[in-house]
């Protein structure tokens, strides 16, 4: 009965417009950013970066939808969606990528069919290059 009040999905963390955070953020739940994060973000959940949201640092997550700006590497284990208003200045590592017309992306992109995550596939890709 103690588990009756527990929810299966973790709460959504929100960094509101006008809020600025400096430092690394780790979470097991979903995160929405409408403010500014200067630092790395690592979560097992979904990351949504709103139109007013900006991340200066590395983002590692399961899924992501970007409408704002990311300046740094973004590693998404499953699906990355870049909305028309998004601006990505850095490398992308993902399994699946959706880019709407109007999105700005400047960097390299590595895609892998492996669902175990971009971070692992990026390292294995580097190991393959070294082996050749």
C-alpha atoms as a PDB file:
ATOM      1  CA  UNK A   1       0.000   0.000   0.000  1.00  0.00           C
ATOM      2  CA  UNK A   2       2.907   2.366   0.507  1.00  0.00           C
ATOM      3  CA  UNK A   3       3.404   2.453  -3.236  1.00  0.00           C
ATOM      4  CA  UNK A   4      -0.143   3.671  -3.861  1.00  0.00           C
ATOM      5  CA  UNK A   5       0.815   7.361  -3.668  1.00  0.00           C
ATOM      6  CA  UNK A   6       3.952   7.009  -5.810  1.00  0.00           C
ATOM      7  CA  UNK A   7       3.666   8.101  -9.418  1.00  0.00           C
ATOM      8  CA  UNK A   8       5.211   6.231 -12.317  1.00  0.00           C
ATOM      9  CA  UNK A   9       6.408   9.387 -14.067  1.00  0.00           C
ATOM     10  CA  UNK A  10       8.667  11.801 -12.208  1.00  0.00           C
ATOM     11  CA  UNK A  11       7.711  15.453 -11.846  1.00  0.00           C
ATOM     12  CA  UNK A  12       8.656  17.990 -14.503  1.00  0.00           C
ATOM     13  CA  UNK A  13      11.353  20.441 -13.434  1.00  0.00           C
ATOM     14  CA  UNK A  14      10.918  23.989 -14.754  1.00  0.00           C
ATOM     15  CA  UNK A  15      13.478  26.744 -15.187  1.00  0.00           C
ATOM     16  CA  UNK A  16      11.232  29.736 -15.864  1.00  0.00           C
ATOM     17  CA  UNK A  17      11.837  32.719 -18.103  1.00  0.00           C
ATOM     18  CA  UNK A  18      13.900  35.286 -16.214  1.00  0.00           C
ATOM     19  CA  UNK A  19      15.665  32.583 -14.168  1.00  0.00           C
ATOM     20  CA  UNK A  20      19.408  32.096 -14.623  1.00  0.00           C
ATOM     21  CA  UNK A  21      21.218  29.036 -13.260  1.00  0.00           C
ATOM     22  CA  UNK A  22      24.994  28.612 -13.291  1.00  0.00           C
ATOM     23  CA  UNK A  23      26.285  25.094 -12.633  1.00  0.00           C
ATOM     24  CA  UNK A  24      25.660  21.510 -13.666  1.00  0.00           C
ATOM     25  CA  UNK A  25      22.187  19.996 -13.348  1.00  0.00           C
ATOM     26  CA  UNK A  26      21.474  16.262 -12.917  1.00  0.00           C
ATOM     27  CA  UNK A  27      17.974  14.823 -12.840  1.00  0.00           C
ATOM     28  CA  UNK A  28      16.086  11.599 -13.344  1.00  0.00           C
ATOM     29  CA  UNK A  29      12.944  13.434 -14.481  1.00  0.00           C
ATOM     30  CA  UNK A  30      11.870  15.682 -17.330  1.00  0.00           C
ATOM     31  CA  UNK A  31      13.104  19.280 -17.526  1.00  0.00           C
ATOM     32  CA  UNK A  32      11.716  22.345 -19.287  1.00  0.00           C
ATOM     33  CA  UNK A  33      13.983  25.366 -19.720  1.00  0.00           C
ATOM     34  CA  UNK A  34      12.538  28.777 -20.534  1.00  0.00           C
ATOM     35  CA  UNK A  35      15.342  30.663 -18.767  1.00  0.00           C
ATOM     36  CA  UNK A  36      19.149  30.443 -18.967  1.00  0.00           C
ATOM     37  CA  UNK A  37      21.300  27.506 -17.896  1.00  0.00           C
ATOM     38  CA  UNK A  38      25.052  27.998 -17.951  1.00  0.00           C
ATOM     39  CA  UNK A  39      26.453  24.543 -17.288  1.00  0.00           C
ATOM     40  CA  UNK A  40      25.917  20.933 -18.243  1.00  0.00           C
ATOM     41  CA  UNK A  41      22.533  19.210 -18.084  1.00  0.00           C
ATOM     42  CA  UNK A  42      22.254  15.439 -17.622  1.00  0.00           C
ATOM     43  CA  UNK A  43      18.861  13.764 -17.250  1.00  0.00           C
ATOM     44  CA  UNK A  44      17.305  10.368 -17.852  1.00  0.00           C
ATOM     45  CA  UNK A  45      14.110  12.071 -18.998  1.00  0.00           C
ATOM     46  CA  UNK A  46      13.036  14.521 -21.688  1.00  0.00           C
ATOM     47  CA  UNK A  47      14.454  18.019 -22.087  1.00  0.00           C
ATOM     48  CA  UNK A  48      12.280  20.770 -23.566  1.00  0.00           C
ATOM     49  CA  UNK A  49      13.981  24.071 -24.326  1.00  0.00           C
ATOM     50  CA  UNK A  50      11.340  26.743 -24.929  1.00  0.00           C
ATOM     51  CA  UNK A  51      11.662  29.695 -27.329  1.00  0.00           C
ATOM     52  CA  UNK A  52      13.107  31.882 -24.566  1.00  0.00           C
ATOM     53  CA  UNK A  53      15.300  29.074 -23.216  1.00  0.00           C
ATOM     54  CA  UNK A  54      19.061  28.969 -23.626  1.00  0.00           C
ATOM     55  CA  UNK A  55      21.658  26.400 -22.563  1.00  0.00           C
ATOM     56  CA  UNK A  56      25.373  27.157 -22.601  1.00  0.00           C
ATOM     57  CA  UNK A  57      26.876  23.715 -22.033  1.00  0.00           C
ATOM     58  CA  UNK A  58      26.441  20.038 -22.800  1.00  0.00           C
ATOM     59  CA  UNK A  59      22.975  18.444 -22.761  1.00  0.00           C
ATOM     60  CA  UNK A  60      22.589  14.678 -22.265  1.00  0.00           C
ATOM     61  CA  UNK A  61      19.076  13.227 -22.185  1.00  0.00           C
ATOM     62  CA  UNK A  62      16.667  10.553 -23.421  1.00  0.00           C
ATOM     63  CA  UNK A  63      14.543  12.780 -25.704  1.00  0.00           C
ATOM     64  CA  UNK A  64      14.608  16.487 -26.470  1.00  0.00           C
ATOM     65  CA  UNK A  65      12.533  19.169 -28.156  1.00  0.00           C
ATOM     66  CA  UNK A  66      14.360  22.434 -28.809  1.00  0.00           C
ATOM     67  CA  UNK A  67      12.682  25.730 -29.674  1.00  0.00           C
ATOM     68  CA  UNK A  68      15.355  27.931 -28.071  1.00  0.00           C
ATOM     69  CA  UNK A  69      19.163  28.010 -28.186  1.00  0.00           C
ATOM     70  CA  UNK A  70      21.829  25.472 -27.291  1.00  0.00           C
ATOM     71  CA  UNK A  71      25.492  26.453 -27.366  1.00  0.00           C
ATOM     72  CA  UNK A  72      27.310  23.184 -26.781  1.00  0.00           C
ATOM     73  CA  UNK A  73      27.126  19.475 -27.498  1.00  0.00           C
ATOM     74  CA  UNK A  74      23.737  17.767 -27.303  1.00  0.00           C
ATOM     75  CA  UNK A  75      23.516  13.994 -26.823  1.00  0.00           C
ATOM     76  CA  UNK A  76      20.043  12.455 -27.141  1.00  0.00           C
ATOM     77  CA  UNK A  77      19.512   8.719 -26.719  1.00  0.00           C
ATOM     78  CA  UNK A  78      16.323   8.544 -28.793  1.00  0.00           C
ATOM     79  CA  UNK A  79      14.625  11.465 -30.596  1.00  0.00           C
ATOM     80  CA  UNK A  80      15.811  15.072 -30.999  1.00  0.00           C
ATOM     81  CA  UNK A  81      13.301  17.543 -32.443  1.00  0.00           C
ATOM     82  CA  UNK A  82      14.562  20.924 -33.639  1.00  0.00           C
ATOM     83  CA  UNK A  83      11.654  23.351 -33.987  1.00  0.00           C
ATOM     84  CA  UNK A  84      11.692  26.210 -36.533  1.00  0.00           C
ATOM     85  CA  UNK A  85      12.843  28.745 -33.915  1.00  0.00           C
ATOM     86  CA  UNK A  86      15.716  26.588 -32.600  1.00  0.00           C
ATOM     87  CA  UNK A  87      19.404  27.486 -32.818  1.00  0.00           C
ATOM     88  CA  UNK A  88      22.038  24.828 -32.165  1.00  0.00           C
ATOM     89  CA  UNK A  89      25.706  25.825 -32.087  1.00  0.00           C
ATOM     90  CA  UNK A  90      27.534  22.595 -31.349  1.00  0.00           C
ATOM     91  CA  UNK A  91      27.662  18.920 -32.156  1.00  0.00           C
ATOM     92  CA  UNK A  92      24.657  16.600 -32.110  1.00  0.00           C
ATOM     93  CA  UNK A  93      24.720  12.887 -31.255  1.00  0.00           C
ATOM     94  CA  UNK A  94      21.341  11.159 -31.539  1.00  0.00           C
ATOM     95  CA  UNK A  95      19.464   8.101 -32.784  1.00  0.00           C
ATOM     96  CA  UNK A  96      16.652   9.998 -34.539  1.00  0.00           C
ATOM     97  CA  UNK A  97      16.559  13.616 -35.691  1.00  0.00           C
ATOM     98  CA  UNK A  98      13.680  15.834 -36.825  1.00  0.00           C
ATOM     99  CA  UNK A  99      14.463  19.329 -38.121  1.00  0.00           C
ATOM    100  CA  UNK A 100      11.730  21.818 -39.025  1.00  0.00           C
ATOM    101  CA  UNK A 101      12.385  24.367 -41.786  1.00  0.00           C
ATOM    102  CA  UNK A 102      13.846  27.527 -40.260  1.00  0.00           C
ATOM    103  CA  UNK A 103      15.914  25.770 -37.596  1.00  0.00           C
ATOM    104  CA  UNK A 104      19.572  26.807 -37.409  1.00  0.00           C
ATOM    105  CA  UNK A 105      22.230  24.165 -36.806  1.00  0.00           C
ATOM    106  CA  UNK A 106      25.975  24.783 -36.907  1.00  0.00           C
ATOM    107  CA  UNK A 107      28.116  21.793 -35.979  1.00  0.00           C
ATOM    108  CA  UNK A 108      28.574  18.095 -36.652  1.00  0.00           C
ATOM    109  CA  UNK A 109      25.905  15.431 -36.392  1.00  0.00           C
ATOM    110  CA  UNK A 110      26.431  11.750 -35.606  1.00  0.00           C
ATOM    111  CA  UNK A 111      23.472   9.412 -35.842  1.00  0.00           C
ATOM    112  CA  UNK A 112      23.307   5.836 -34.652  1.00  0.00           C
ATOM    113  CA  UNK A 113      20.608   3.177 -34.860  1.00  0.00           C
ATOM    114  CA  UNK A 114      21.631   2.022 -31.386  1.00  0.00           C
ATOM    115  CA  UNK A 115      18.940   2.996 -28.856  1.00  0.00           C
ATOM    116  CA  UNK A 116      21.365   2.647 -25.939  1.00  0.00           C
ATOM    117  CA  UNK A 117      22.351   6.231 -26.261  1.00  0.00           C
ATOM    118  CA  UNK A 118      24.380   8.722 -28.158  1.00  0.00           C
ATOM    119  CA  UNK A 119      27.132   8.947 -25.576  1.00  0.00           C
ATOM    120  CA  UNK A 120      28.024   5.285 -25.913  1.00  0.00           C
ATOM    121  CA  UNK A 121      27.716   5.283 -29.693  1.00  0.00           C
ATOM    122  CA  UNK A 122      29.912   8.374 -29.969  1.00  0.00           C
ATOM    123  CA  UNK A 123      32.638   6.698 -27.956  1.00  0.00           C
ATOM    124  CA  UNK A 124      32.348   3.472 -29.952  1.00  0.00           C
ATOM    125  CA  UNK A 125      32.549   5.499 -33.185  1.00  0.00           C
ATOM    126  CA  UNK A 126      35.753   7.112 -31.972  1.00  0.00           C
ATOM    127  CA  UNK A 127      37.104   3.669 -31.064  1.00  0.00           C
ATOM    128  CA  UNK A 128      36.261   2.401 -34.567  1.00  0.00           C
ATOM    129  CA  UNK A 129      38.188   5.296 -36.113  1.00  0.00           C
ATOM    130  CA  UNK A 130      41.191   4.592 -33.873  1.00  0.00           C
ATOM    131  CA  UNK A 131      41.105   0.888 -34.812  1.00  0.00           C
ATOM    132  CA  UNK A 132      41.338   1.678 -38.545  1.00  0.00           C
END
